[in-house]
Amino acid sequence: MSAEIGEKCAVVGLYDVGLAAARLAVPALWSLQHRGQESSGIVVSDGEMLRAHRGMGLVARVYEEKDIDALPGSIALGHNRYSTDGGSTVDHVQPVVREDMLVASAHNGNLPVTDALRDFLMEHDALISGSNDSEMMTDAIRYHMSRGASLEEAIIESFPLFTGAFSFLVMTKDKIAAVRDQFGIRPLSIGRINGGYMFASETCALNTLQAKHLRDVQPGELVIAGQDGLRSFEIATGKQKLDIFELVYFARPDSVLLGKRVNEVRRNFGFHLADEHSIKADVVIPIPDSAIPAAEGYSEKTGIPLRHGFAKNRYIHRTFIQPDQRLREMGVRLKLDIIPEVVAGKRVVIVDDSIVRATTARDLVSMLRGAGAIEVHFMVSSPPVKYPDFYGIDTPNQSKLAAAHMSIEEIRKSIGANSLHYLSYEGLIKATGLPEDVFCTSCFTGNYPIDIGVKREGIIFHV
């Protein structure tokens, strides 16, 4: 279930947008809050020097008026973080900046293999103890720039050392560089705003600032925003493999990915789920928020009325709350509360986007039965998650993935549902309206387009 998966990260870049770049970065980061809630940071340039403000917590908590006033400049780099490497501490808050303030960087993704990168930094006496993957990427670029390379030259030299998934922004006092890994696993868009340029993880951030969406940064492409406008370099042969989980869960429904509105793709998931698994029931209820479009599609196709049977507490965030054991035991009830009148005495279809460990699904079924539902049919708008992710999603190790060691019937019994149905892999792909080969589907298929190194040895691949 999606609540059991950690978000990734959000990156924002603004170039030549006037002296209020930080003021534009804050609402852009706010619109991307769903991609990371542990920390946030902004680095700006006034053309002479870099200044930074970073902190733990949500965007609304990290930035006060005085903080923005202390960040003058027309160039800004922003980041919201959910940690996948290096831990959730203030030491690893992004954007990454070192004491020399030569460059700043913001990274969405993860490098599962860092051996070559680490060896390079050690060989050149540039490795800083305790550095995570994002910080090592930054230090490799810093090394080349400290020896006279331009920003673009430093990135091109360092790129072969970056084995993994990255939508990566790097800023100097007068430029912003945007670069994606050769498979484009994480999204990254380019916009035009106030005569300048904007980069963002999702188009919803462009919409927030009323920026015009120009295009996406292509897999293997380096784009430089500088005094000469936008310049593009193909630094690796790209092959699009967007993580399909962006469409299943992570991206905001109003964003556009690969030319498709996320909301409409999720509705299509529901249509295809209904084609594959039509159940006699009285009401369809979604798990908010990402499963709502799929539930709408399922309801529309089957004719079973849609009702909102769960109320979501939108003020529960892992950054603010460190619950004691008693609160931890409340589990999903901290986030969702049931509306008994919607389900009492009824045959209920519950729609969610995914099941990971199955603990949350079990709680949801229990809540529905406790509220008087006479039948509970669990519909999942994606296939079984059988494999861990190494490209920036905080899925657990394979042993904790329910579908990796249990059959669908065993999961059904475990969660206590009358029936359990997943959208087929074929239905998932068909619902996107795009060919299978433009996606990374590793969580479902075990096909990892980027080398995961020794981590492969611990995975059981299903036939």
Protein backbone atom coordinates (compact mmCIF):
# COMPACT_ATOMS: atom_id res chain seq x y z
CA MET A 1 0.00 0.00 0.00
CA SER A 2 1.33 3.43 -0.92
CA ALA A 3 1.45 4.68 2.66
CA GLU A 4 4.15 2.08 3.25
CA ILE A 5 6.46 3.60 0.61
CA GLY A 6 8.66 6.62 1.23
CA GLU A 7 8.55 9.47 -1.22
CA LYS A 8 11.52 10.39 -3.33
CA CYS A 9 12.80 14.00 -3.59
CA ALA A 10 11.91 17.21 -5.38
CA VAL A 11 14.27 19.55 -7.22
CA VAL A 12 13.65 23.11 -8.42
CA GLY A 13 15.93 25.47 -10.33
CA LEU A 14 15.33 29.09 -11.32
CA TYR A 15 17.63 31.11 -13.59
CA ASP A 16 17.48 34.84 -14.34
CA VAL A 17 14.00 35.35 -12.89
CA GLY A 18 14.64 38.63 -11.10
CA LEU A 19 15.89 39.39 -7.60
CA ALA A 20 13.04 37.38 -6.02
CA ALA A 21 14.20 33.92 -7.07
CA ALA A 22 13.94 32.57 -3.50
CA ARG A 23 10.38 33.86 -3.26
CA LEU A 24 9.52 31.89 -6.37
CA ALA A 25 11.36 28.81 -5.16
CA VAL A 26 9.28 28.52 -1.97
CA PRO A 27 5.85 28.05 -3.64
CA ALA A 28 7.46 25.75 -6.22
CA LEU A 29 8.81 23.58 -3.42
CA TRP A 30 5.47 23.75 -1.65
CA SER A 31 3.76 22.34 -4.75
CA LEU A 32 6.29 19.46 -4.71
CA GLN A 33 5.93 18.73 -0.99
CA HIS A 34 4.50 15.28 -1.77
CA ARG A 35 7.92 14.17 -3.04
CA GLY A 36 9.72 14.73 0.26
CA GLN A 37 8.80 15.91 3.73
CA GLU A 38 11.91 15.43 5.85
CA SER A 39 13.79 18.60 4.97
CA SER A 40 13.95 21.50 2.56
CA GLY A 41 16.58 23.96 1.38
CA ILE A 42 17.25 26.83 -1.01
CA VAL A 43 20.55 28.17 -2.32
CA VAL A 44 20.62 31.45 -4.25
CA SER A 45 23.13 33.48 -6.23
CA ASP A 46 23.23 37.22 -6.80
CA GLY A 47 25.93 36.77 -9.45
CA GLU A 48 28.73 37.18 -6.95
CA MET A 49 28.25 34.56 -4.25
CA LEU A 50 26.03 31.70 -3.08
CA ARG A 51 23.86 31.90 0.03
CA ALA A 52 21.94 29.01 1.58
CA HIS A 53 19.09 28.36 3.96
CA ARG A 54 18.23 24.77 4.83
CA GLY A 55 16.34 23.03 7.60
CA MET A 56 14.48 19.95 8.78
CA GLY A 57 10.74 19.78 8.26
CA LEU A 58 8.10 20.83 5.79
CA VAL A 59 8.42 23.87 3.54
CA ALA A 60 6.00 25.83 5.74
CA ARG A 61 8.24 25.20 8.74
CA VAL A 62 11.66 25.76 7.20
CA TYR A 63 11.18 29.24 5.66
CA GLU A 64 10.21 32.42 7.45
CA GLU A 65 10.11 35.91 6.00
CA LYS A 66 13.52 36.77 7.43
CA ASP A 67 15.02 33.69 5.76
CA ILE A 68 13.79 34.74 2.33
CA ASP A 69 14.95 38.33 2.89
CA ALA A 70 18.44 36.93 3.50
CA LEU A 71 18.47 35.18 0.10
CA PRO A 72 18.77 37.89 -2.59
CA GLY A 73 19.49 36.87 -6.16
CA SER A 74 18.00 35.95 -9.50
CA ILE A 75 19.24 32.34 -9.51
CA ALA A 76 17.94 29.74 -7.05
CA LEU A 77 18.17 26.03 -6.39
CA GLY A 78 15.66 24.26 -4.17
CA HIS A 79 15.16 20.77 -2.76
CA ASN A 80 12.69 18.76 -0.69
CA ARG A 81 14.17 15.57 0.70
CA TYR A 82 13.10 12.10 1.61
CA SER A 83 16.24 10.19 2.48
CA THR A 84 17.23 6.97 0.71
CA ASP A 85 20.98 7.25 1.35
CA GLY A 86 22.80 8.91 4.21
CA GLY A 87 19.99 9.02 6.73
CA SER A 88 17.52 11.67 7.81
CA THR A 89 19.73 14.20 9.58
CA VAL A 90 20.45 17.88 9.21
CA ASP A 91 23.92 16.98 7.93
CA HIS A 92 22.45 15.66 4.68
CA VAL A 93 19.86 18.33 3.96
CA GLN A 94 20.04 19.49 0.33
CA PRO A 95 20.92 21.43 -1.76
CA VAL A 96 24.44 20.16 -1.17
CA VAL A 97 26.93 22.97 -0.51
CA ARG A 98 30.47 22.79 0.79
CA GLU A 99 32.45 25.45 2.66
CA ASP A 100 33.98 26.89 -0.50
CA MET A 101 30.45 27.55 -1.89
CA LEU A 102 31.79 26.80 -5.36
CA VAL A 103 28.71 24.85 -6.44
CA ALA A 104 25.38 23.73 -5.03
CA SER A 105 23.44 20.67 -6.13
CA ALA A 106 20.03 19.05 -5.73
CA HIS A 107 19.43 15.37 -6.51
CA ASN A 108 16.31 13.27 -7.03
CA GLY A 109 17.15 9.60 -7.34
CA ASN A 110 19.73 7.19 -5.94
CA LEU A 111 23.03 5.65 -6.98
CA PRO A 112 22.93 1.95 -6.00
CA VAL A 113 26.58 1.55 -7.07
CA THR A 114 29.09 4.17 -5.91
CA ASP A 115 32.35 2.19 -6.06
CA ALA A 116 33.85 4.05 -9.05
CA LEU A 117 32.75 7.42 -7.70
CA ARG A 118 34.16 6.72 -4.25
CA ASP A 119 37.43 5.37 -5.71
CA PHE A 120 37.84 8.50 -7.85
CA LEU A 121 37.38 10.80 -4.87
CA MET A 122 39.74 8.75 -2.72
CA GLU A 123 42.38 8.70 -5.45
CA HIS A 124 42.25 12.49 -5.68
CA ASP A 125 42.04 13.06 -1.92
CA ALA A 126 38.58 14.58 -2.37
CA LEU A 127 36.43 12.12 -0.40
CA ILE A 128 34.76 13.63 2.64
CA SER A 129 33.96 11.10 5.35
CA GLY A 130 30.27 10.26 5.74
CA SER A 131 29.25 11.57 2.32
CA ASN A 132 26.17 10.10 0.66
CA ASP A 133 25.72 9.57 -3.07
CA SER A 134 24.47 13.12 -3.78
CA GLU A 135 27.38 14.67 -1.90
CA MET A 136 29.95 12.50 -3.67
CA MET A 137 28.46 13.49 -7.05
CA THR A 138 28.84 17.13 -6.06
CA ASP A 139 32.42 16.64 -4.87
CA ALA A 140 33.44 15.01 -8.15
CA ILE A 141 32.16 18.07 -10.02
CA ARG A 142 33.86 20.38 -7.50
CA TYR A 143 37.15 18.58 -8.05
CA HIS A 144 37.13 19.26 -11.79
CA MET A 145 35.96 22.85 -11.38
CA SER A 146 38.65 23.57 -8.80
CA ARG A 147 41.14 22.69 -11.53
CA GLY A 148 39.72 25.11 -14.05
CA ALA A 149 36.93 23.16 -15.72
CA SER A 150 33.68 24.93 -16.56
CA LEU A 151 30.48 23.63 -14.97
CA GLU A 152 29.48 21.76 -18.12
CA GLU A 153 32.99 20.32 -18.57
CA ALA A 154 33.04 19.15 -14.95
CA ILE A 155 29.67 17.41 -15.29
CA ILE A 156 30.65 15.72 -18.56
CA GLU A 157 33.88 14.46 -16.96
CA SER A 158 32.04 13.20 -13.87
CA PHE A 159 29.01 11.68 -15.58
CA PRO A 160 30.54 8.21 -16.20
CA LEU A 161 31.05 7.84 -12.43
CA PHE A 162 27.33 8.29 -11.71
CA THR A 163 25.91 4.74 -11.79
CA GLY A 164 22.26 5.09 -10.88
CA ALA A 165 19.16 7.21 -11.22
CA PHE A 166 19.40 10.99 -11.08
CA SER A 167 17.57 14.10 -12.04
CA PHE A 168 20.34 16.40 -10.93
CA LEU A 169 20.61 20.19 -10.76
CA VAL A 170 23.93 21.94 -10.20
CA MET A 171 24.30 25.69 -9.68
CA THR A 172 27.23 28.06 -9.71
CA LYS A 173 27.13 31.82 -9.18
CA ASP A 174 26.10 32.38 -12.81
CA LYS A 175 24.66 29.12 -14.22
CA ILE A 176 22.31 26.23 -13.55
CA ALA A 177 22.90 22.81 -15.07
CA ALA A 178 20.22 20.12 -15.36
CA VAL A 179 21.18 16.54 -16.13
CA ARG A 180 19.35 13.20 -16.20
CA ASP A 181 20.70 9.68 -16.17
CA GLN A 182 20.69 7.92 -19.52
CA PHE A 183 17.38 6.16 -18.75
CA GLY A 184 15.49 9.18 -17.40
CA ILE A 185 14.16 7.19 -14.45
CA ARG A 186 13.19 10.32 -12.51
CA PRO A 187 11.22 13.16 -14.19
CA LEU A 188 12.65 16.63 -14.85
CA SER A 189 10.95 19.43 -16.79
CA ILE A 190 12.05 22.78 -18.25
CA GLY A 191 9.92 25.93 -18.17
CA ARG A 192 10.09 29.58 -19.19
CA ILE A 193 9.29 32.23 -16.59
CA ASN A 194 9.81 36.00 -16.28
CA GLY A 195 12.21 35.95 -19.22
CA GLY A 196 14.30 33.29 -17.49
CA TYR A 197 14.18 29.53 -17.06
CA MET A 198 12.87 27.02 -14.58
CA PHE A 199 13.61 23.37 -13.88
CA ALA A 200 11.34 21.21 -11.75
CA SER A 201 10.70 17.57 -10.90
CA GLU A 202 7.09 17.86 -12.04
CA THR A 203 5.05 20.17 -14.24
CA CYS A 204 2.71 20.97 -11.34
CA ALA A 205 5.47 23.23 -9.97
CA LEU A 206 5.65 25.05 -13.31
CA ASN A 207 1.90 25.54 -13.17
CA THR A 208 2.11 26.99 -9.67
CA LEU A 209 4.43 29.74 -10.92
CA GLN A 210 2.57 30.09 -14.24
CA ALA A 211 5.70 29.08 -16.09
CA LYS A 212 5.38 27.78 -19.64
CA HIS A 213 6.37 24.13 -19.99
CA LEU A 214 8.92 23.98 -22.79
CA ARG A 215 9.91 20.31 -22.67
CA ASP A 216 11.52 17.67 -20.47
CA VAL A 217 15.24 17.20 -20.00
CA GLN A 218 15.95 14.12 -22.08
CA PRO A 219 17.63 10.95 -20.76
CA GLY A 220 21.39 11.40 -20.98
CA GLU A 221 21.06 15.13 -21.68
CA LEU A 222 22.82 18.05 -19.99
CA VAL A 223 21.07 21.42 -20.23
CA ILE A 224 22.84 24.63 -19.18
CA ALA A 225 20.91 27.80 -18.37
CA GLY A 226 23.34 30.73 -18.60
CA GLN A 227 24.03 34.06 -20.24
CA ASP A 228 23.69 32.42 -23.66
CA GLY A 229 20.22 31.08 -22.87
CA LEU A 230 19.71 27.31 -22.89
CA ARG A 231 22.44 25.07 -24.27
CA SER A 232 22.07 21.31 -24.65
CA PHE A 233 24.67 18.52 -24.64
CA GLU A 234 24.01 14.83 -25.29
CA ILE A 235 26.48 13.24 -22.90
CA ALA A 236 25.10 9.68 -23.07
CA THR A 237 22.91 7.78 -25.50
CA GLY A 238 19.50 8.04 -23.88
CA LYS A 239 16.77 5.43 -23.69
CA GLN A 240 13.61 6.54 -21.87
CA LYS A 241 12.76 4.33 -18.86
CA LEU A 242 10.61 6.50 -16.59
CA ASP A 243 9.78 4.78 -13.32
CA ILE A 244 6.18 3.69 -13.80
CA PHE A 245 5.55 4.18 -10.07
CA GLU A 246 5.51 7.90 -10.84
CA LEU A 247 2.21 7.27 -12.62
CA VAL A 248 0.96 4.74 -10.08
CA TYR A 249 1.55 6.81 -6.97
CA PHE A 250 4.28 9.41 -6.68
CA ALA A 251 3.48 12.20 -9.11
CA ARG A 252 0.75 14.73 -8.43
CA PRO A 253 -2.39 14.03 -10.48
CA ASP A 254 -2.23 17.40 -12.26
CA SER A 255 1.33 16.80 -13.51
CA VAL A 256 2.13 15.66 -17.05
CA LEU A 257 4.60 12.80 -17.57
CA LEU A 258 5.64 11.62 -21.02
CA GLY A 259 2.82 13.74 -22.43
CA LYS A 260 0.17 12.06 -20.25
CA ARG A 261 -1.88 13.75 -17.52
CA VAL A 262 -1.28 11.62 -14.42
CA ASN A 263 -4.89 11.88 -13.26
CA GLU A 264 -6.21 10.46 -16.53
CA VAL A 265 -3.75 7.57 -16.52
CA ARG A 266 -4.88 6.65 -13.01
CA ARG A 267 -8.52 6.75 -14.12
CA ASN A 268 -7.53 4.37 -16.90
CA PHE A 269 -6.00 2.05 -14.30
CA GLY A 270 -9.46 1.91 -12.71
CA PHE A 271 -11.18 1.24 -16.06
CA HIS A 272 -8.87 -1.68 -16.79
CA LEU A 273 -9.17 -2.98 -13.23
CA ALA A 274 -12.94 -3.07 -13.71
CA ASP A 275 -12.55 -4.91 -17.02
CA GLU A 276 -10.42 -7.54 -15.33
CA HIS A 277 -12.24 -7.81 -11.98
CA SER A 278 -15.90 -6.83 -11.80
CA ILE A 279 -17.45 -7.45 -8.37
CA LYS A 280 -21.05 -7.27 -7.20
CA ALA A 281 -20.97 -4.59 -4.51
CA ASP A 282 -22.85 -1.61 -3.11
CA VAL A 283 -20.15 1.04 -2.86
CA VAL A 284 -16.63 1.83 -4.08
CA ILE A 285 -14.37 3.74 -1.71
CA PRO A 286 -10.84 5.01 -2.47
CA ILE A 287 -7.84 5.31 -0.19
CA PRO A 288 -6.97 9.02 -0.44
CA ASP A 289 -5.34 10.60 -2.27
CA SER A 290 -3.51 8.80 -5.07
CA ALA A 291 -6.11 6.02 -5.46
CA ILE A 292 -9.05 8.40 -5.97
CA PRO A 293 -8.78 8.61 -9.80
CA ALA A 294 -8.52 4.81 -10.11
CA ALA A 295 -11.56 4.39 -7.86
CA GLU A 296 -13.44 6.91 -10.02
CA GLY A 297 -12.57 4.89 -13.10
CA TYR A 298 -13.59 1.63 -11.46
CA SER A 299 -16.90 3.12 -10.29
CA GLU A 300 -17.68 4.64 -13.67
CA LYS A 301 -16.98 1.39 -15.53
CA THR A 302 -18.89 -0.89 -13.13
CA GLY A 303 -21.72 1.46 -12.25
CA ILE A 304 -21.11 0.93 -8.52
CA PRO A 305 -21.47 4.31 -6.77
CA LEU A 306 -18.33 5.99 -5.44
CA ARG A 307 -18.35 7.31 -1.89
CA HIS A 308 -15.53 8.66 0.25
CA GLY A 309 -15.49 6.32 3.21
CA PHE A 310 -12.18 7.44 4.69
CA ALA A 311 -11.36 10.89 6.01
CA LYS A 312 -7.66 11.74 5.75
CA ASN A 313 -5.75 13.66 8.40
CA ARG A 314 -3.62 15.90 6.16
CA TYR A 315 -1.49 17.18 9.01
CA ILE A 316 0.35 13.95 9.85
CA HIS A 317 3.94 14.08 8.61
CA ARG A 318 6.91 12.00 9.61
CA THR A 319 9.02 15.12 10.16
CA PHE A 320 6.80 16.69 12.77
CA ILE A 321 5.69 13.65 14.72
CA GLN A 322 7.92 11.20 16.50
CA PRO A 323 5.15 9.11 18.10
CA ASP A 324 5.58 7.04 21.20
CA GLN A 325 4.88 3.31 21.15
CA ARG A 326 1.18 3.79 21.94
CA LEU A 327 0.75 6.12 18.95
CA ARG A 328 2.79 3.86 16.67
CA GLU A 329 0.40 1.03 17.48
CA MET A 330 -2.47 3.15 16.18
CA GLY A 331 -0.85 2.78 12.75
CA VAL A 332 -3.01 3.85 9.86
CA ARG A 333 -5.66 5.30 12.20
CA LEU A 334 -3.44 8.33 12.71
CA LYS A 335 -3.78 9.10 9.00
CA LEU A 336 -7.23 7.79 8.11
CA ASP A 337 -10.54 7.64 9.96
CA ILE A 338 -13.55 5.76 8.69
CA ILE A 339 -17.02 7.20 8.08
CA PRO A 340 -19.27 4.33 9.28
CA GLU A 341 -22.45 5.48 7.55
CA VAL A 342 -20.80 5.03 4.14
CA VAL A 343 -20.01 1.33 4.65
CA ALA A 344 -22.29 -0.08 7.35
CA GLY A 345 -24.35 -3.00 6.08
CA LYS A 346 -22.80 -2.79 2.61
CA ARG A 347 -20.63 -4.83 0.28
CA VAL A 348 -17.59 -2.61 -0.11
CA VAL A 349 -14.98 -2.37 -2.87
CA ILE A 350 -11.89 -0.60 -1.55
CA VAL A 351 -9.42 0.71 -4.16
CA ASP A 352 -5.76 1.43 -3.40
CA ASP A 353 -2.77 2.00 -5.67
CA SER A 354 -0.45 -0.69 -4.27
CA ILE A 355 0.23 -3.17 -1.50
CA VAL A 356 3.75 -3.38 -0.15
CA ARG A 357 4.04 -5.03 3.27
CA ALA A 358 0.26 -5.62 3.57
CA THR A 359 0.16 -4.31 7.16
CA THR A 360 -1.78 -1.18 6.18
CA ALA A 361 -4.16 -3.16 3.98
CA ARG A 362 -4.90 -5.42 6.95
CA ASP A 363 -5.68 -2.40 9.12
CA LEU A 364 -7.98 -0.93 6.48
CA VAL A 365 -9.98 -4.13 6.10
CA SER A 366 -10.26 -4.40 9.88
CA MET A 367 -11.54 -0.82 10.11
CA LEU A 368 -14.17 -1.48 7.45
CA ARG A 369 -15.41 -4.61 9.16
CA GLY A 370 -15.46 -2.80 12.48
CA ALA A 371 -17.66 -0.12 10.90
CA GLY A 372 -20.18 -2.72 9.75
CA ALA A 373 -19.16 -3.63 6.19
CA ILE A 374 -20.60 -7.06 5.40
CA GLU A 375 -18.13 -7.76 2.59
CA VAL A 376 -14.75 -6.18 1.77
CA HIS A 377 -13.25 -6.60 -1.69
CA PHE A 378 -9.77 -5.14 -2.06
CA MET A 379 -8.80 -3.79 -5.50
CA VAL A 380 -5.23 -2.72 -6.30
CA SER A 381 -4.62 -0.48 -9.33
CA SER A 382 -1.14 -1.90 -9.99
CA PRO A 383 0.44 -5.38 -10.13
CA PRO A 384 2.00 -7.12 -7.09
CA VAL A 385 5.20 -5.42 -5.87
CA LYS A 386 7.74 -8.26 -5.79
CA TYR A 387 11.08 -6.48 -6.01
CA PRO A 388 12.81 -3.70 -4.06
CA ASP A 389 13.69 -0.37 -5.63
CA PHE A 390 17.23 1.00 -5.82
CA TYR A 391 16.55 4.18 -7.79
CA GLY A 392 15.18 6.52 -5.14
CA ILE A 393 12.06 4.89 -3.67
CA ASP A 394 12.23 3.75 -0.07
CA THR A 395 10.78 0.28 -0.58
CA PRO A 396 11.98 -2.24 2.00
CA ASN A 397 14.16 -5.21 1.30
CA GLN A 398 12.54 -8.02 -0.64
CA SER A 399 11.86 -10.17 2.40
CA LYS A 400 9.37 -7.54 3.62
CA LEU A 401 7.45 -7.31 0.36
CA ALA A 402 4.27 -9.34 0.80
CA ALA A 403 3.98 -10.39 -2.84
CA ALA A 404 7.60 -11.58 -2.94
CA HIS A 405 6.88 -14.53 -0.66
CA MET A 406 3.09 -14.88 -0.58
CA SER A 407 0.52 -15.79 -3.21
CA ILE A 408 -2.41 -13.46 -3.85
CA GLU A 409 -4.65 -15.88 -1.97
CA GLU A 410 -2.26 -15.91 0.98
CA ILE A 411 -2.21 -12.11 1.04
CA ARG A 412 -6.01 -12.07 0.87
CA LYS A 413 -6.25 -14.31 3.91
CA SER A 414 -3.60 -12.24 5.68
CA ILE A 415 -5.48 -8.98 5.27
CA GLY A 416 -8.90 -10.54 5.91
CA ALA A 417 -10.62 -9.44 2.68
CA ASN A 418 -13.37 -11.39 0.95
CA SER A 419 -11.43 -11.02 -2.28
CA LEU A 420 -8.19 -9.41 -3.45
CA HIS A 421 -7.54 -8.40 -7.03
CA TYR A 422 -4.58 -6.66 -8.68
CA LEU A 423 -4.45 -4.88 -12.01
CA SER A 424 -2.48 -7.11 -14.36
CA TYR A 425 0.90 -6.01 -15.66
CA GLU A 426 -0.51 -6.02 -19.19
CA GLY A 427 -3.46 -3.89 -18.04
CA LEU A 428 -1.12 -1.46 -16.31
CA ILE A 429 0.91 -0.86 -19.46
CA LYS A 430 -2.15 -0.66 -21.69
CA ALA A 431 -3.76 1.92 -19.40
CA THR A 432 -0.82 4.31 -19.83
CA GLY A 433 -1.35 4.54 -23.59
CA LEU A 434 2.43 4.25 -24.02
CA PRO A 435 4.73 1.38 -25.04
CA GLU A 436 6.17 -0.83 -22.33
CA ASP A 437 9.77 -0.03 -23.25
CA VAL A 438 9.54 3.64 -22.14
CA PHE A 439 9.13 2.55 -18.51
CA CYS A 440 11.24 1.15 -15.71
CA THR A 441 9.04 -1.55 -14.16
CA SER A 442 11.61 -3.07 -11.81
CA CYS A 443 9.30 -3.22 -8.76
CA PHE A 444 6.94 -5.48 -10.68
CA THR A 445 9.26 -7.38 -13.03
CA GLY A 446 12.73 -7.38 -11.47
CA ASN A 447 14.15 -5.87 -14.67
CA TYR A 448 16.66 -3.24 -13.51
CA PRO A 449 17.84 -1.06 -16.41
CA ILE A 450 20.73 0.42 -14.40
CA ASP A 451 23.33 -1.78 -12.72
CA ILE A 452 22.50 -2.43 -9.05
CA GLY A 453 25.82 -4.15 -8.35
CA VAL A 454 26.08 -6.54 -5.41
CA LYS A 455 22.49 -5.76 -4.39
CA ARG A 456 21.38 -8.17 -7.12
CA GLU A 457 22.87 -11.06 -5.14
CA GLY A 458 20.26 -10.72 -2.40
CA ILE A 459 17.24 -10.79 -4.72
CA ILE A 460 15.12 -13.84 -5.51
CA PHE A 461 13.90 -13.55 -9.08
CA HIS A 462 10.52 -15.15 -9.74
CA VAL A 463 9.96 -17.12 -12.92
